[in-house]
Protein backbone atom coordinates (compact mmCIF):
# COMPACT_ATOMS: atom_id res chain seq x y z
CA UNK A 1 -145.73 22.72 170.96
CA UNK A 2 -147.95 21.90 167.80
CA UNK A 3 -151.64 23.01 167.22
CA UNK A 4 -154.07 20.44 165.66
CA UNK A 5 -153.69 21.55 162.04
CA UNK A 6 -149.70 21.51 162.37
CA UNK A 7 -149.93 18.01 163.92
CA UNK A 8 -151.78 16.70 160.84
CA UNK A 9 -149.10 18.28 158.43
CA UNK A 10 -146.04 16.84 160.54
CA UNK A 11 -147.21 13.52 161.19
CA UNK A 12 -146.27 10.61 158.81
CA UNK A 13 -149.01 10.36 155.76
CA UNK A 14 -149.60 6.91 156.69
CA UNK A 15 -150.73 8.06 160.42
CA UNK A 16 -152.90 10.82 158.78
CA UNK A 17 -154.39 8.37 156.59
CA UNK A 18 -155.10 5.99 159.96
CA UNK A 19 -156.94 8.73 161.57
CA UNK A 20 -159.09 9.59 158.80
CA UNK A 21 -159.76 5.92 157.88
CA UNK A 22 -160.59 5.59 161.69
CA UNK A 23 -163.13 8.08 161.61
CA UNK A 24 -164.61 6.94 158.00
CA UNK A 25 -165.01 3.21 159.55
CA UNK A 26 -165.84 3.86 163.10
CA UNK A 27 -166.82 7.45 163.78
CA UNK A 28 -169.36 8.60 160.85
CA UNK A 29 -170.55 11.92 162.55
CA UNK A 30 -166.71 12.87 162.86
CA UNK A 31 -165.92 12.04 159.52
CA UNK A 32 -168.97 13.88 157.92
CA UNK A 33 -168.52 16.79 159.93
CA UNK A 34 -164.34 16.69 159.07
CA UNK A 35 -165.17 16.31 155.21
CA UNK A 36 -167.90 19.26 155.48
CA UNK A 37 -165.34 21.15 156.73
CA UNK A 38 -162.87 20.52 154.22
CA UNK A 39 -165.60 20.97 151.71
CA UNK A 40 -166.14 24.36 152.88
CA UNK A 41 -162.76 25.45 153.09
CA UNK A 42 -162.24 24.00 149.37
CA UNK A 43 -165.58 26.10 148.34
CA UNK A 44 -166.97 23.03 146.92
CA UNK A 45 -170.04 20.69 147.98
CA UNK A 46 -169.33 17.35 150.17
CA UNK A 47 -170.46 15.43 147.33
CA UNK A 48 -167.37 16.57 145.31
CA UNK A 49 -165.23 14.92 147.99
CA UNK A 50 -167.30 11.87 148.25
CA UNK A 51 -167.09 10.95 144.68
CA UNK A 52 -163.19 10.83 144.89
CA UNK A 53 -161.58 7.47 145.62
CA UNK A 54 -160.92 7.30 149.65
CA UNK A 55 -157.19 7.57 149.18
CA UNK A 56 -157.33 10.54 147.06
CA UNK A 57 -159.97 12.30 149.00
CA UNK A 58 -157.79 11.56 152.33
CA UNK A 59 -154.60 13.19 150.51
CA UNK A 60 -156.56 15.89 149.68
CA UNK A 61 -158.49 16.25 153.14
CA UNK A 62 -154.93 16.29 154.84
CA UNK A 63 -153.48 19.08 152.58
CA UNK A 64 -156.35 21.20 153.83
CA UNK A 65 -156.47 20.11 157.15
CA UNK A 66 -152.88 21.49 157.80
CA UNK A 67 -153.99 25.02 157.08
CA UNK A 68 -154.36 27.36 160.14
CA UNK A 69 -158.17 28.09 159.22
CA UNK A 70 -159.19 24.29 159.88
CA UNK A 71 -157.52 24.01 163.29
CA UNK A 72 -160.84 23.64 164.92
CA UNK A 73 -162.03 20.80 162.63
CA UNK A 74 -158.39 19.15 162.72
CA UNK A 75 -158.49 19.08 166.53
CA UNK A 76 -162.15 17.50 166.41
CA UNK A 77 -160.84 14.96 164.35
CA UNK A 78 -157.63 14.19 166.31
CA UNK A 79 -159.42 14.09 169.58
CA UNK A 80 -162.25 11.76 168.51
CA UNK A 81 -159.52 9.47 167.05
CA UNK A 82 -157.46 9.71 170.57
CA UNK A 83 -160.59 9.41 172.70
CA UNK A 84 -162.23 6.36 170.70
CA UNK A 85 -159.16 4.48 169.44
CA UNK A 86 -156.64 5.09 171.94
CA UNK A 87 -158.56 5.26 175.25
CA UNK A 88 -156.18 2.83 176.90
CA UNK A 89 -152.92 4.93 176.20
CA UNK A 90 -154.81 7.99 177.72
CA UNK A 91 -155.97 6.18 180.73
CA UNK A 92 -152.13 4.76 181.23
CA UNK A 93 -151.10 8.38 181.01
CA UNK A 94 -153.36 9.91 183.45
CA UNK A 95 -153.02 7.00 185.74
CA UNK A 96 -149.33 7.22 185.74
CA UNK A 97 -149.85 10.75 186.74
CA UNK A 98 -152.12 9.82 189.60
CA UNK A 99 -154.52 12.00 187.67
CA UNK A 100 -158.40 10.89 188.60
CA UNK A 101 -160.05 10.07 184.89
CA UNK A 102 -163.11 8.69 183.26
CA UNK A 103 -162.22 6.69 180.44
CA UNK A 104 -159.07 8.85 179.87
CA UNK A 105 -161.09 12.11 180.19
CA UNK A 106 -160.76 14.70 183.00
CA UNK A 107 -162.82 17.28 184.15
CA UNK A 108 -159.99 19.24 186.18
CA UNK A 109 -156.32 19.05 185.40
CA UNK A 110 -153.60 20.31 187.77
CA UNK A 111 -151.87 23.38 187.06
CA UNK A 112 -148.54 21.77 186.99
CA UNK A 113 -147.14 17.93 187.11
CA UNK A 114 -143.98 17.00 188.85
CA UNK A 115 -141.13 16.26 186.55
CA UNK A 116 -140.07 12.64 187.40
CA UNK A 117 -143.76 11.81 187.24
CA UNK A 118 -144.21 13.14 183.77
CA UNK A 119 -140.95 11.59 183.14
CA UNK A 120 -142.02 8.28 184.07
CA UNK A 121 -145.27 8.65 182.41
CA UNK A 122 -144.01 9.50 179.04
CA UNK A 123 -141.64 6.70 179.32
CA UNK A 124 -144.37 4.46 179.86
CA UNK A 125 -146.16 5.62 177.12
CA UNK A 126 -143.22 5.18 174.69
CA UNK A 127 -142.70 1.60 176.04
CA UNK A 128 -146.21 0.54 175.14
CA UNK A 129 -147.20 2.52 172.15
CA UNK A 130 -146.12 3.75 168.85
CA UNK A 131 -143.77 6.95 169.20
CA UNK A 132 -145.52 8.62 166.41
CA UNK A 133 -148.78 8.06 168.18
CA UNK A 134 -147.57 9.10 171.77
CA UNK A 135 -146.05 12.34 170.32
CA UNK A 136 -149.23 13.13 168.61
CA UNK A 137 -151.10 12.35 172.00
CA UNK A 138 -148.93 14.62 174.28
CA UNK A 139 -148.84 17.70 171.86
CA UNK A 140 -152.57 17.49 171.37
CA UNK A 141 -153.12 16.96 175.31
CA UNK A 142 -150.79 19.99 175.93
CA UNK A 143 -152.48 22.08 173.27
CA UNK A 144 -156.08 21.36 173.72
CA UNK A 145 -156.04 21.67 177.53
CA UNK A 146 -156.00 24.76 179.66
CA UNK A 147 -153.38 23.37 181.86
CA UNK A 148 -150.44 23.92 179.34
CA UNK A 149 -147.80 22.13 181.51
CA UNK A 150 -144.28 23.91 180.77
CA UNK A 151 -142.11 20.80 181.71
CA UNK A 152 -144.40 18.86 178.91
CA UNK A 153 -143.60 21.51 176.53
CA UNK A 154 -139.95 21.13 176.98
CA UNK A 155 -140.05 17.54 176.88
CA UNK A 156 -141.82 17.67 173.62
CA UNK A 157 -139.32 20.22 172.11
CA UNK A 158 -136.42 18.26 173.60
CA UNK A 159 -136.92 14.48 173.20
CA UNK A 160 -136.20 13.00 169.85
CA UNK A 161 -138.74 10.17 170.36
CA UNK A 162 -141.50 12.78 170.59
CA UNK A 163 -140.72 14.59 167.37
CA UNK A 164 -143.00 14.35 164.40
CA UNK A 165 -141.75 14.39 160.95
CA UNK A 166 -138.39 13.23 161.88
CA UNK A 167 -138.89 9.94 159.93
CA UNK A 168 -141.31 11.22 157.27
């Protein structure tokens, strides 16, 4: 199971750039918080990053966000991207598991979920969404929630469709 900083490090550069571009274009507060966290880690002022061309800035940001010290910043970025851009996927997953949710957000997750239901829910996601995005979501879901389902962890480790970095 991957943490947020590991997810950014293992995903394809194109997806990492997509996440940052989404935040830049659609979620300025998250983008600014992410850039401030990266600037602080680099011991520079945010304006240093702002003056770089966006493509170059995003490459630098992903490199820094891939380090363990920025796991919370990376987690905030990934969470915002998932909840805002991929809300339909979150809703599909939770509905397939018969878990009550409000726009893909859950207050109380069950301690465990049936293997057959989980397999069916994951297969649904893989049939509708890009495998790399599904892999990021499921890893983030299992890492960022207190439920931490062992059967989901086993599936993430064993299923080749859910592996990050294999095609990168």
